[in-house]
Amino acid sequence: ITFEDYPGRTEEFQPESTWFERLHAVKIPAFALGPKKFIGGGLTRAALRGATYVASENLEARAHDAANVSKQGGLTYFYIAEVDHAGHGYGVGSDKWVKNLEKADRAIGIM
């Protein structure tokens, strides 16, 4: 995910245009929302390049930001790191995963 040991540039690993780049080329807004630590990371450059990256450190702020940018139309990708990490670390369906999914549902429901 970090591409730390990858000998080349991430863009060489995944050279195809992303959907975000394609949308940008035809002037359609595209946003990716996630934690600040992923800005410039390997996976972000490989999969999300072309999007305007909006960094929010907590889930509630990210949900609020997603609601705001989605009003501009186009595509909004809202990465819910808390659910993803709990699923990878503890398993989908685990207590920790369910708690984070419920928290995400509440944050999204507020918007």
PDB file of N, CA and C in Angstrom:
ATOM      1  N   ILE A   1       0.826  -1.193   0.000  1.00  0.00           N
ATOM      2  CA  ILE A   1       0.000   0.000   0.000  1.00  0.00           C
ATOM      3  C   ILE A   1       0.869   1.257   0.000  1.00  0.00           C
ATOM      4  N   THR A   2       1.983   1.219   0.697  1.00  0.00           N
ATOM      5  CA  THR A   2       2.835   2.403   0.760  1.00  0.00           C
ATOM      6  C   THR A   2       3.777   2.480  -0.430  1.00  0.00           C
ATOM      7  N   PHE A   3       4.024   1.352  -1.075  1.00  0.00           N
ATOM      8  CA  PHE A   3       4.952   1.265  -2.199  1.00  0.00           C
ATOM      9  C   PHE A   3       6.371   1.625  -1.774  1.00  0.00           C
ATOM     10  N   GLU A   4       6.688   1.451  -0.487  1.00  0.00           N
ATOM     11  CA  GLU A   4       8.014   1.810   0.027  1.00  0.00           C
ATOM     12  C   GLU A   4       9.138   1.100  -0.718  1.00  0.00           C
ATOM     13  N   ASP A   5       8.970  -0.174  -1.008  1.00  0.00           N
ATOM     14  CA  ASP A   5      10.035  -0.947  -1.642  1.00  0.00           C
ATOM     15  C   ASP A   5       9.889  -1.055  -3.153  1.00  0.00           C
ATOM     16  N   TYR A   6       8.907  -0.386  -3.696  1.00  0.00           N
ATOM     17  CA  TYR A   6       8.719  -0.438  -5.142  1.00  0.00           C
ATOM     18  C   TYR A   6       9.848   0.350  -5.801  1.00  0.00           C
ATOM     19  N   PRO A   7      10.564  -0.253  -6.744  1.00  0.00           N
ATOM     20  CA  PRO A   7      11.749   0.411  -7.303  1.00  0.00           C
ATOM     21  C   PRO A   7      11.456   1.570  -8.264  1.00  0.00           C
ATOM     22  N   GLY A   8      10.244   1.661  -8.758  1.00  0.00           N
ATOM     23  CA  GLY A   8       9.916   2.726  -9.702  1.00  0.00           C
ATOM     24  C   GLY A   8       8.920   3.711  -9.131  1.00  0.00           C
ATOM     25  N   ARG A   9       8.340   4.479 -10.012  1.00  0.00           N
ATOM     26  CA  ARG A   9       7.302   5.422  -9.595  1.00  0.00           C
ATOM     27  C   ARG A   9       5.958   4.693  -9.582  1.00  0.00           C
ATOM     28  N   THR A  10       5.101   5.071  -8.656  1.00  0.00           N
ATOM     29  CA  THR A  10       3.776   4.450  -8.551  1.00  0.00           C
ATOM     30  C   THR A  10       3.030   4.554  -9.869  1.00  0.00           C
ATOM     31  N   GLU A  11       3.177   5.672 -10.548  1.00  0.00           N
ATOM     32  CA  GLU A  11       2.481   5.895 -11.805  1.00  0.00           C
ATOM     33  C   GLU A  11       2.929   4.893 -12.872  1.00  0.00           C
ATOM     34  N   GLU A  12       4.123   4.330 -12.741  1.00  0.00           N
ATOM     35  CA  GLU A  12       4.592   3.295 -13.653  1.00  0.00           C
ATOM     36  C   GLU A  12       3.966   1.946 -13.298  1.00  0.00           C
ATOM     37  N   PHE A  13       3.718   1.723 -12.007  1.00  0.00           N
ATOM     38  CA  PHE A  13       3.082   0.497 -11.547  1.00  0.00           C
ATOM     39  C   PHE A  13       1.641   0.428 -12.031  1.00  0.00           C
ATOM     40  N   GLN A  14       0.953   1.550 -11.952  1.00  0.00           N
ATOM     41  CA  GLN A  14      -0.449   1.639 -12.376  1.00  0.00           C
ATOM     42  C   GLN A  14      -0.527   2.787 -13.377  1.00  0.00           C
ATOM     43  N   PRO A  15      -0.194   2.510 -14.666  1.00  0.00           N
ATOM     44  CA  PRO A  15      -0.082   3.591 -15.644  1.00  0.00           C
ATOM     45  C   PRO A  15      -1.395   4.037 -16.275  1.00  0.00           C
ATOM     46  N   GLU A  16      -2.463   3.297 -16.070  1.00  0.00           N
ATOM     47  CA  GLU A  16      -3.745   3.661 -16.687  1.00  0.00           C
ATOM     48  C   GLU A  16      -4.316   4.917 -16.040  1.00  0.00           C
ATOM     49  N   SER A  17      -5.034   5.687 -16.810  1.00  0.00           N
ATOM     50  CA  SER A  17      -5.713   6.861 -16.254  1.00  0.00           C
ATOM     51  C   SER A  17      -6.739   6.404 -15.230  1.00  0.00           C
ATOM     52  N   THR A  18      -6.785   7.096 -14.102  1.00  0.00           N
ATOM     53  CA  THR A  18      -7.807   6.778 -13.103  1.00  0.00           C
ATOM     54  C   THR A  18      -9.126   7.419 -13.533  1.00  0.00           C
ATOM     55  N   TRP A  19     -10.212   6.997 -12.915  1.00  0.00           N
ATOM     56  CA  TRP A  19     -11.499   7.649 -13.196  1.00  0.00           C
ATOM     57  C   TRP A  19     -11.442   9.116 -12.824  1.00  0.00           C
ATOM     58  N   PHE A  20     -10.702   9.431 -11.779  1.00  0.00           N
ATOM     59  CA  PHE A  20     -10.571  10.827 -11.353  1.00  0.00           C
ATOM     60  C   PHE A  20      -9.867  11.655 -12.421  1.00  0.00           C
ATOM     61  N   GLU A  21      -8.820  11.110 -13.019  1.00  0.00           N
ATOM     62  CA  GLU A  21      -8.119  11.821 -14.092  1.00  0.00           C
ATOM     63  C   GLU A  21      -9.019  11.991 -15.317  1.00  0.00           C
ATOM     64  N   ARG A  22      -9.781  10.966 -15.619  1.00  0.00           N
ATOM     65  CA  ARG A  22     -10.688  11.040 -16.768  1.00  0.00           C
ATOM     66  C   ARG A  22     -11.757  12.107 -16.554  1.00  0.00           C
ATOM     67  N   LEU A  23     -12.297  12.158 -15.353  1.00  0.00           N
ATOM     68  CA  LEU A  23     -13.301  13.178 -15.045  1.00  0.00           C
ATOM     69  C   LEU A  23     -12.682  14.574 -15.087  1.00  0.00           C
ATOM     70  N   HIS A  24     -11.503  14.696 -14.516  1.00  0.00           N
ATOM     71  CA  HIS A  24     -10.810  15.994 -14.515  1.00  0.00           C
ATOM     72  C   HIS A  24     -10.588  16.481 -15.948  1.00  0.00           C
ATOM     73  N   ALA A  25     -10.261  15.579 -16.840  1.00  0.00           N
ATOM     74  CA  ALA A  25      -9.986  15.945 -18.236  1.00  0.00           C
ATOM     75  C   ALA A  25     -11.208  16.537 -18.930  1.00  0.00           C
ATOM     76  N   VAL A  26     -12.397  16.142 -18.480  1.00  0.00           N
ATOM     77  CA  VAL A  26     -13.628  16.679 -19.095  1.00  0.00           C
ATOM     78  C   VAL A  26     -14.333  17.666 -18.155  1.00  0.00           C
ATOM     79  N   LYS A  27     -13.562  18.206 -17.202  1.00  0.00           N
ATOM     80  CA  LYS A  27     -14.023  19.283 -16.308  1.00  0.00           C
ATOM     81  C   LYS A  27     -15.176  18.879 -15.391  1.00  0.00           C
ATOM     82  N   ILE A  28     -15.204  17.603 -14.987  1.00  0.00           N
ATOM     83  CA  ILE A  28     -16.191  17.139 -14.010  1.00  0.00           C
ATOM     84  C   ILE A  28     -15.480  17.036 -12.667  1.00  0.00           C
ATOM     85  N   PRO A  29     -16.022  17.653 -11.614  1.00  0.00           N
ATOM     86  CA  PRO A  29     -15.345  17.623 -10.312  1.00  0.00           C
ATOM     87  C   PRO A  29     -15.239  16.202  -9.757  1.00  0.00           C
ATOM     88  N   ALA A  30     -14.115  15.937  -9.121  1.00  0.00           N
ATOM     89  CA  ALA A  30     -13.888  14.633  -8.502  1.00  0.00           C
ATOM     90  C   ALA A  30     -13.094  14.837  -7.219  1.00  0.00           C
ATOM     91  N   PHE A  31     -13.571  14.244  -6.152  1.00  0.00           N
ATOM     92  CA  PHE A  31     -12.966  14.418  -4.835  1.00  0.00           C
ATOM     93  C   PHE A  31     -12.703  13.066  -4.202  1.00  0.00           C
ATOM     94  N   ALA A  32     -11.630  13.000  -3.431  1.00  0.00           N
ATOM     95  CA  ALA A  32     -11.332  11.830  -2.615  1.00  0.00           C
ATOM     96  C   ALA A  32     -11.124  12.328  -1.198  1.00  0.00           C
ATOM     97  N   LEU A  33     -11.803  11.721  -0.257  1.00  0.00           N
ATOM     98  CA  LEU A  33     -11.705  12.139   1.140  1.00  0.00           C
ATOM     99  C   LEU A  33     -11.110  11.025   1.974  1.00  0.00           C
ATOM    100  N   GLY A  34     -10.142  11.391   2.800  1.00  0.00           N
ATOM    101  CA  GLY A  34      -9.507  10.423   3.674  1.00  0.00           C
ATOM    102  C   GLY A  34      -8.608  11.128   4.666  1.00  0.00           C
ATOM    103  N   PRO A  35      -7.909  10.357   5.486  1.00  0.00           N
ATOM    104  CA  PRO A  35      -6.999  10.939   6.467  1.00  0.00           C
ATOM    105  C   PRO A  35      -5.816  11.641   5.800  1.00  0.00           C
ATOM    106  N   LYS A  36      -5.289  12.649   6.478  1.00  0.00           N
ATOM    107  CA  LYS A  36      -4.168  13.437   5.962  1.00  0.00           C
ATOM    108  C   LYS A  36      -2.949  12.576   5.662  1.00  0.00           C
ATOM    109  N   LYS A  37      -2.717  11.541   6.466  1.00  0.00           N
ATOM    110  CA  LYS A  37      -1.503  10.731   6.305  1.00  0.00           C
ATOM    111  C   LYS A  37      -1.434  10.015   4.955  1.00  0.00           C
ATOM    112  N   PHE A  38      -2.555   9.929   4.236  1.00  0.00           N
ATOM    113  CA  PHE A  38      -2.547   9.243   2.943  1.00  0.00           C
ATOM    114  C   PHE A  38      -2.246  10.169   1.769  1.00  0.00           C
ATOM    115  N   ILE A  39      -2.157  11.468   2.015  1.00  0.00           N
ATOM    116  CA  ILE A  39      -1.826  12.393   0.932  1.00  0.00           C
ATOM    117  C   ILE A  39      -0.439  12.033   0.407  1.00  0.00           C
ATOM    118  N   GLY A  40      -0.340  11.822  -0.865  1.00  0.00           N
ATOM    119  CA  GLY A  40       0.949  11.519  -1.491  1.00  0.00           C
ATOM    120  C   GLY A  40       1.419  10.101  -1.319  1.00  0.00           C
ATOM    121  N   GLY A  41       0.646   9.251  -0.634  1.00  0.00           N
ATOM    122  CA  GLY A  41       1.027   7.855  -0.450  1.00  0.00           C
ATOM    123  C   GLY A  41       0.910   7.068  -1.750  1.00  0.00           C
ATOM    124  N   GLY A  42       1.557   5.926  -1.780  1.00  0.00           N
ATOM    125  CA  GLY A  42       1.583   5.114  -2.993  1.00  0.00           C
ATOM    126  C   GLY A  42       0.214   4.716  -3.502  1.00  0.00           C
ATOM    127  N   LEU A  43      -0.626   4.188  -2.633  1.00  0.00           N
ATOM    128  CA  LEU A  43      -1.952   3.769  -3.070  1.00  0.00           C
ATOM    129  C   LEU A  43      -2.788   4.967  -3.507  1.00  0.00           C
ATOM    130  N   THR A  44      -2.657   6.078  -2.822  1.00  0.00           N
ATOM    131  CA  THR A  44      -3.382   7.295  -3.201  1.00  0.00           C
ATOM    132  C   THR A  44      -2.952   7.738  -4.594  1.00  0.00           C
ATOM    133  N   ARG A  45      -1.641   7.740  -4.857  1.00  0.00           N
ATOM    134  CA  ARG A  45      -1.153   8.146  -6.178  1.00  0.00           C
ATOM    135  C   ARG A  45      -1.578   7.160  -7.259  1.00  0.00           C
ATOM    136  N   ALA A  46      -1.627   5.881  -6.928  1.00  0.00           N
ATOM    137  CA  ALA A  46      -1.989   4.872  -7.921  1.00  0.00           C
ATOM    138  C   ALA A  46      -3.482   4.905  -8.255  1.00  0.00           C
ATOM    139  N   ALA A  47      -4.310   5.044  -7.249  1.00  0.00           N
ATOM    140  CA  ALA A  47      -5.748   4.880  -7.460  1.00  0.00           C
ATOM    141  C   ALA A  47      -6.562   6.164  -7.465  1.00  0.00           C
ATOM    142  N   LEU A  48      -6.087   7.189  -6.770  1.00  0.00           N
ATOM    143  CA  LEU A  48      -6.907   8.390  -6.592  1.00  0.00           C
ATOM    144  C   LEU A  48      -6.349   9.621  -7.297  1.00  0.00           C
ATOM    145  N   ARG A  49      -5.271   9.484  -8.025  1.00  0.00           N
ATOM    146  CA  ARG A  49      -4.698  10.667  -8.667  1.00  0.00           C
ATOM    147  C   ARG A  49      -5.697  11.256  -9.653  1.00  0.00           C
ATOM    148  N   GLY A  50      -5.709  12.574  -9.681  1.00  0.00           N
ATOM    149  CA  GLY A  50      -6.676  13.303 -10.491  1.00  0.00           C
ATOM    150  C   GLY A  50      -7.805  13.867  -9.657  1.00  0.00           C
ATOM    151  N   ALA A  51      -8.003  13.301  -8.470  1.00  0.00           N
ATOM    152  CA  ALA A  51      -9.041  13.811  -7.563  1.00  0.00           C
ATOM    153  C   ALA A  51      -8.476  14.954  -6.741  1.00  0.00           C
ATOM    154  N   THR A  52      -9.343  15.828  -6.310  1.00  0.00           N
ATOM    155  CA  THR A  52      -8.972  16.809  -5.299  1.00  0.00           C
ATOM    156  C   THR A  52      -9.068  16.073  -3.969  1.00  0.00           C
ATOM    157  N   TYR A  53      -7.945  15.930  -3.275  1.00  0.00           N
ATOM    158  CA  TYR A  53      -7.928  15.187  -2.016  1.00  0.00           C
ATOM    159  C   TYR A  53      -8.298  16.126  -0.878  1.00  0.00           C
ATOM    160  N   VAL A  54      -9.290  15.728  -0.106  1.00  0.00           N
ATOM    161  CA  VAL A  54      -9.740  16.500   1.047  1.00  0.00           C
ATOM    162  C   VAL A  54      -9.418  15.680   2.292  1.00  0.00           C
ATOM    163  N   ALA A  55      -8.501  16.187   3.098  1.00  0.00           N
ATOM    164  CA  ALA A  55      -8.069  15.463   4.289  1.00  0.00           C
ATOM    165  C   ALA A  55      -8.885  15.872   5.502  1.00  0.00           C
ATOM    166  N   SER A  56      -9.367  14.886   6.219  1.00  0.00           N
ATOM    167  CA  SER A  56     -10.103  15.099   7.467  1.00  0.00           C
ATOM    168  C   SER A  56      -9.640  14.020   8.433  1.00  0.00           C
ATOM    169  N   GLU A  57      -9.277  14.431   9.619  1.00  0.00           N
ATOM    170  CA  GLU A  57      -8.694  13.480  10.560  1.00  0.00           C
ATOM    171  C   GLU A  57      -9.697  12.615  11.310  1.00  0.00           C
ATOM    172  N   ASN A  58     -10.949  13.020  11.375  1.00  0.00           N
ATOM    173  CA  ASN A  58     -11.895  12.150  12.072  1.00  0.00           C
ATOM    174  C   ASN A  58     -13.114  11.906  11.183  1.00  0.00           C
ATOM    175  N   LEU A  59     -13.804  10.856  11.504  1.00  0.00           N
ATOM    176  CA  LEU A  59     -14.917  10.392  10.686  1.00  0.00           C
ATOM    177  C   LEU A  59     -16.017  11.430  10.542  1.00  0.00           C
ATOM    178  N   GLU A  60     -16.365  12.088  11.616  1.00  0.00           N
ATOM    179  CA  GLU A  60     -17.446  13.071  11.563  1.00  0.00           C
ATOM    180  C   GLU A  60     -17.086  14.231  10.632  1.00  0.00           C
ATOM    181  N   ALA A  61     -15.856  14.702  10.729  1.00  0.00           N
ATOM    182  CA  ALA A  61     -15.405  15.790   9.849  1.00  0.00           C
ATOM    183  C   ALA A  61     -15.386  15.329   8.399  1.00  0.00           C
ATOM    184  N   ARG A  62     -14.957  14.085   8.169  1.00  0.00           N
ATOM    185  CA  ARG A  62     -14.904  13.561   6.813  1.00  0.00           C
ATOM    186  C   ARG A  62     -16.311  13.437   6.222  1.00  0.00           C
ATOM    187  N   ALA A  63     -17.277  13.014   7.036  1.00  0.00           N
ATOM    188  CA  ALA A  63     -18.661  12.916   6.563  1.00  0.00           C
ATOM    189  C   ALA A  63     -19.202  14.296   6.215  1.00  0.00           C
ATOM    190  N   HIS A  64     -18.907  15.263   7.056  1.00  0.00           N
ATOM    191  CA  HIS A  64     -19.329  16.645   6.808  1.00  0.00           C
ATOM    192  C   HIS A  64     -18.694  17.168   5.512  1.00  0.00           C
ATOM    193  N   ASP A  65     -17.394  16.939   5.366  1.00  0.00           N
ATOM    194  CA  ASP A  65     -16.694  17.381   4.154  1.00  0.00           C
ATOM    195  C   ASP A  65     -17.243  16.685   2.914  1.00  0.00           C
ATOM    196  N   ALA A  66     -17.545  15.404   3.022  1.00  0.00           N
ATOM    197  CA  ALA A  66     -18.098  14.658   1.883  1.00  0.00           C
ATOM    198  C   ALA A  66     -19.437  15.234   1.458  1.00  0.00           C
ATOM    199  N   ALA A  67     -20.271  15.558   2.435  1.00  0.00           N
ATOM    200  CA  ALA A  67     -21.571  16.156   2.115  1.00  0.00           C
ATOM    201  C   ALA A  67     -21.382  17.494   1.401  1.00  0.00           C
ATOM    202  N   ASN A  68     -20.433  18.277   1.848  1.00  0.00           N
ATOM    203  CA  ASN A  68     -20.194  19.591   1.234  1.00  0.00           C
ATOM    204  C   ASN A  68     -19.653  19.488  -0.181  1.00  0.00           C
ATOM    205  N   VAL A  69     -18.631  18.668  -0.393  1.00  0.00           N
ATOM    206  CA  VAL A  69     -18.044  18.602  -1.741  1.00  0.00           C
ATOM    207  C   VAL A  69     -18.964  17.908  -2.734  1.00  0.00           C
ATOM    208  N   SER A  70     -19.792  16.998  -2.254  1.00  0.00           N
ATOM    209  CA  SER A  70     -20.687  16.290  -3.178  1.00  0.00           C
ATOM    210  C   SER A  70     -21.737  17.216  -3.772  1.00  0.00           C
ATOM    211  N   LYS A  71     -21.960  18.352  -3.139  1.00  0.00           N
ATOM    212  CA  LYS A  71     -22.904  19.337  -3.680  1.00  0.00           C
ATOM    213  C   LYS A  71     -22.403  19.937  -4.993  1.00  0.00           C
ATOM    214  N   GLN A  72     -21.107  19.778  -5.254  1.00  0.00           N
ATOM    215  CA  GLN A  72     -20.533  20.314  -6.488  1.00  0.00           C
ATOM    216  C   GLN A  72     -20.750  19.377  -7.677  1.00  0.00           C
ATOM    217  N   GLY A  73     -21.351  18.238  -7.439  1.00  0.00           N
ATOM    218  CA  GLY A  73     -21.585  17.275  -8.511  1.00  0.00           C
ATOM    219  C   GLY A  73     -20.359  16.415  -8.745  1.00  0.00           C
ATOM    220  N   GLY A  74     -20.364  15.690  -9.812  1.00  0.00           N
ATOM    221  CA  GLY A  74     -19.232  14.845 -10.138  1.00  0.00           C
ATOM    222  C   GLY A  74     -19.178  13.605  -9.257  1.00  0.00           C
ATOM    223  N   LEU A  75     -17.969  13.226  -8.873  1.00  0.00           N
ATOM    224  CA  LEU A  75     -17.737  12.003  -8.114  1.00  0.00           C
ATOM    225  C   LEU A  75     -17.077  12.335  -6.787  1.00  0.00           C
ATOM    226  N   THR A  76     -17.603  11.773  -5.715  1.00  0.00           N
ATOM    227  CA  THR A  76     -17.000  11.914  -4.399  1.00  0.00           C
ATOM    228  C   THR A  76     -16.704  10.527  -3.857  1.00  0.00           C
ATOM    229  N   TYR A  77     -15.426  10.253  -3.586  1.00  0.00           N
ATOM    230  CA  TYR A  77     -14.979   9.002  -2.979  1.00  0.00           C
ATOM    231  C   TYR A  77     -14.700   9.294  -1.511  1.00  0.00           C
ATOM    232  N   PHE A  78     -15.427   8.629  -0.642  1.00  0.00           N
ATOM    233  CA  PHE A  78     -15.362   8.868   0.800  1.00  0.00           C
ATOM    234  C   PHE A  78     -14.780   7.611   1.447  1.00  0.00           C
ATOM    235  N   TYR A  79     -13.502   7.680   1.803  1.00  0.00           N
ATOM    236  CA  TYR A  79     -12.823   6.536   2.406  1.00  0.00           C
ATOM    237  C   TYR A  79     -13.080   6.525   3.905  1.00  0.00           C
ATOM    238  N   ILE A  80     -13.651   5.435   4.379  1.00  0.00           N
ATOM    239  CA  ILE A  80     -13.945   5.292   5.798  1.00  0.00           C
ATOM    240  C   ILE A  80     -12.867   4.388   6.401  1.00  0.00           C
ATOM    241  N   ALA A  81     -11.752   5.018   6.739  1.00  0.00           N
ATOM    242  CA  ALA A  81     -10.565   4.307   7.214  1.00  0.00           C
ATOM    243  C   ALA A  81     -10.863   3.467   8.456  1.00  0.00           C
ATOM    244  N   GLU A  82     -11.691   3.975   9.327  1.00  0.00           N
ATOM    245  CA  GLU A  82     -11.971   3.292  10.583  1.00  0.00           C
ATOM    246  C   GLU A  82     -12.594   1.918  10.355  1.00  0.00           C
ATOM    247  N   VAL A  83     -13.520   1.826   9.429  1.00  0.00           N
ATOM    248  CA  VAL A  83     -14.176   0.556   9.113  1.00  0.00           C
ATOM    249  C   VAL A  83     -13.199  -0.360   8.373  1.00  0.00           C
ATOM    250  N   ASP A  84     -12.480   0.199   7.414  1.00  0.00           N
ATOM    251  CA  ASP A  84     -11.517  -0.577   6.640  1.00  0.00           C
ATOM    252  C   ASP A  84     -10.452  -1.188   7.539  1.00  0.00           C
ATOM    253  N   HIS A  85      -9.863  -0.372   8.402  1.00  0.00           N
ATOM    254  CA  HIS A  85      -8.795  -0.864   9.276  1.00  0.00           C
ATOM    255  C   HIS A  85      -9.308  -1.903  10.271  1.00  0.00           C
ATOM    256  N   ALA A  86     -10.496  -1.703  10.803  1.00  0.00           N
ATOM    257  CA  ALA A  86     -11.064  -2.689  11.728  1.00  0.00           C
ATOM    258  C   ALA A  86     -11.336  -4.009  11.007  1.00  0.00           C
ATOM    259  N   GLY A  87     -11.776  -3.930   9.770  1.00  0.00           N
ATOM    260  CA  GLY A  87     -12.021  -5.150   8.997  1.00  0.00           C
ATOM    261  C   GLY A  87     -10.744  -5.921   8.723  1.00  0.00           C
ATOM    262  N   HIS A  88      -9.688  -5.209   8.356  1.00  0.00           N
ATOM    263  CA  HIS A  88      -8.409  -5.872   8.096  1.00  0.00           C
ATOM    264  C   HIS A  88      -7.781  -6.390   9.379  1.00  0.00           C
ATOM    265  N   GLY A  89      -7.897  -5.627  10.450  1.00  0.00           N
ATOM    266  CA  GLY A  89      -7.235  -5.990  11.698  1.00  0.00           C
ATOM    267  C   GLY A  89      -7.971  -7.008  12.548  1.00  0.00           C
ATOM    268  N   TYR A  90      -9.297  -6.951  12.536  1.00  0.00           N
ATOM    269  CA  TYR A  90     -10.085  -7.788  13.442  1.00  0.00           C
ATOM    270  C   TYR A  90     -11.085  -8.685  12.729  1.00  0.00           C
ATOM    271  N   GLY A  91     -11.274  -8.447  11.443  1.00  0.00           N
ATOM    272  CA  GLY A  91     -12.195  -9.267  10.653  1.00  0.00           C
ATOM    273  C   GLY A  91     -13.539  -8.596  10.447  1.00  0.00           C
ATOM    274  N   VAL A  92     -14.059  -8.783   9.254  1.00  0.00           N
ATOM    275  CA  VAL A  92     -15.400  -8.271   8.946  1.00  0.00           C
ATOM    276  C   VAL A  92     -16.394  -9.026   9.820  1.00  0.00           C
ATOM    277  N   GLY A  93     -17.252  -8.287  10.478  1.00  0.00           N
ATOM    278  CA  GLY A  93     -18.220  -8.892  11.382  1.00  0.00           C
ATOM    279  C   GLY A  93     -17.759  -8.917  12.827  1.00  0.00           C
ATOM    280  N   SER A  94     -16.493  -8.574  13.098  1.00  0.00           N
ATOM    281  CA  SER A  94     -15.994  -8.537  14.472  1.00  0.00           C
ATOM    282  C   SER A  94     -16.680  -7.403  15.232  1.00  0.00           C
ATOM    283  N   ASP A  95     -16.605  -7.467  16.554  1.00  0.00           N
ATOM    284  CA  ASP A  95     -17.208  -6.412  17.378  1.00  0.00           C
ATOM    285  C   ASP A  95     -16.630  -5.040  17.033  1.00  0.00           C
ATOM    286  N   LYS A  96     -15.310  -4.976  16.854  1.00  0.00           N
ATOM    287  CA  LYS A  96     -14.663  -3.698  16.540  1.00  0.00           C
ATOM    288  C   LYS A  96     -15.123  -3.185  15.177  1.00  0.00           C
ATOM    289  N   TRP A  97     -15.252  -4.070  14.200  1.00  0.00           N
ATOM    290  CA  TRP A  97     -15.707  -3.677  12.857  1.00  0.00           C
ATOM    291  C   TRP A  97     -17.144  -3.159  12.917  1.00  0.00           C
ATOM    292  N   VAL A  98     -18.015  -3.891  13.632  1.00  0.00           N
ATOM    293  CA  VAL A  98     -19.422  -3.487  13.748  1.00  0.00           C
ATOM    294  C   VAL A  98     -19.534  -2.129  14.440  1.00  0.00           C
ATOM    295  N   LYS A  99     -18.771  -1.919  15.516  1.00  0.00           N
ATOM    296  CA  LYS A  99     -18.807  -0.629  16.208  1.00  0.00           C
ATOM    297  C   LYS A  99     -18.409   0.516  15.280  1.00  0.00           C
ATOM    298  N   ASN A 100     -17.360   0.294  14.497  1.00  0.00           N
ATOM    299  CA  ASN A 100     -16.915   1.344  13.565  1.00  0.00           C
ATOM    300  C   ASN A 100     -17.914   1.542  12.431  1.00  0.00           C
ATOM    301  N   LEU A 101     -18.536   0.484  11.982  1.00  0.00           N
ATOM    302  CA  LEU A 101     -19.567   0.604  10.949  1.00  0.00           C
ATOM    303  C   LEU A 101     -20.770   1.386  11.480  1.00  0.00           C
ATOM    304  N   GLU A 102     -21.179   1.111  12.710  1.00  0.00           N
ATOM    305  CA  GLU A 102     -22.281   1.854  13.321  1.00  0.00           C
ATOM    306  C   GLU A 102     -21.923   3.327  13.497  1.00  0.00           C
ATOM    307  N   LYS A 103     -20.683   3.600  13.890  1.00  0.00           N
ATOM    308  CA  LYS A 103     -20.225   4.984  14.030  1.00  0.00           C
ATOM    309  C   LYS A 103     -20.261   5.687  12.671  1.00  0.00           C
ATOM    310  N   ALA A 104     -19.820   5.009  11.631  1.00  0.00           N
ATOM    311  CA  ALA A 104     -19.856   5.576  10.271  1.00  0.00           C
ATOM    312  C   ALA A 104     -21.296   5.836   9.828  1.00  0.00           C
ATOM    313  N   ASP A 105     -22.182   4.904  10.138  1.00  0.00           N
ATOM    314  CA  ASP A 105     -23.590   5.074   9.773  1.00  0.00           C
ATOM    315  C   ASP A 105     -24.190   6.304  10.457  1.00  0.00           C
ATOM    316  N   ARG A 106     -23.863   6.499  11.735  1.00  0.00           N
ATOM    317  CA  ARG A 106     -24.359   7.689  12.454  1.00  0.00           C
ATOM    318  C   ARG A 106     -23.784   8.968  11.842  1.00  0.00           C
ATOM    319  N   ALA A 107     -22.486   8.967  11.525  1.00  0.00           N
ATOM    320  CA  ALA A 107     -21.851  10.162  10.956  1.00  0.00           C
ATOM    321  C   ALA A 107     -22.457  10.500   9.604  1.00  0.00           C
ATOM    322  N   ILE A 108     -22.688   9.511   8.800  1.00  0.00           N
ATOM    323  CA  ILE A 108     -23.271   9.753   7.469  1.00  0.00           C
ATOM    324  C   ILE A 108     -24.732  10.169   7.599  1.00  0.00           C
ATOM    325  N   GLY A 109     -25.429   9.577   8.545  1.00  0.00           N
ATOM    326  CA  GLY A 109     -26.849   9.891   8.735  1.00  0.00           C
ATOM    327  C   GLY A 109     -27.103  11.312   9.178  1.00  0.00           C
ATOM    328  N   ILE A 110     -26.151  11.906   9.841  1.00  0.00           N
ATOM    329  CA  ILE A 110     -26.288  13.283  10.297  1.00  0.00           C
ATOM    330  C   ILE A 110     -26.321  14.246   9.107  1.00  0.00           C
ATOM    331  N   MET A 111     -25.585  13.889   8.055  1.00  0.00           N
ATOM    332  CA  MET A 111     -25.500  14.766   6.887  1.00  0.00           C
ATOM    333  C   MET A 111     -26.721  14.577   6.046  1.00  0.00           C
TER     334      MET A 111
END
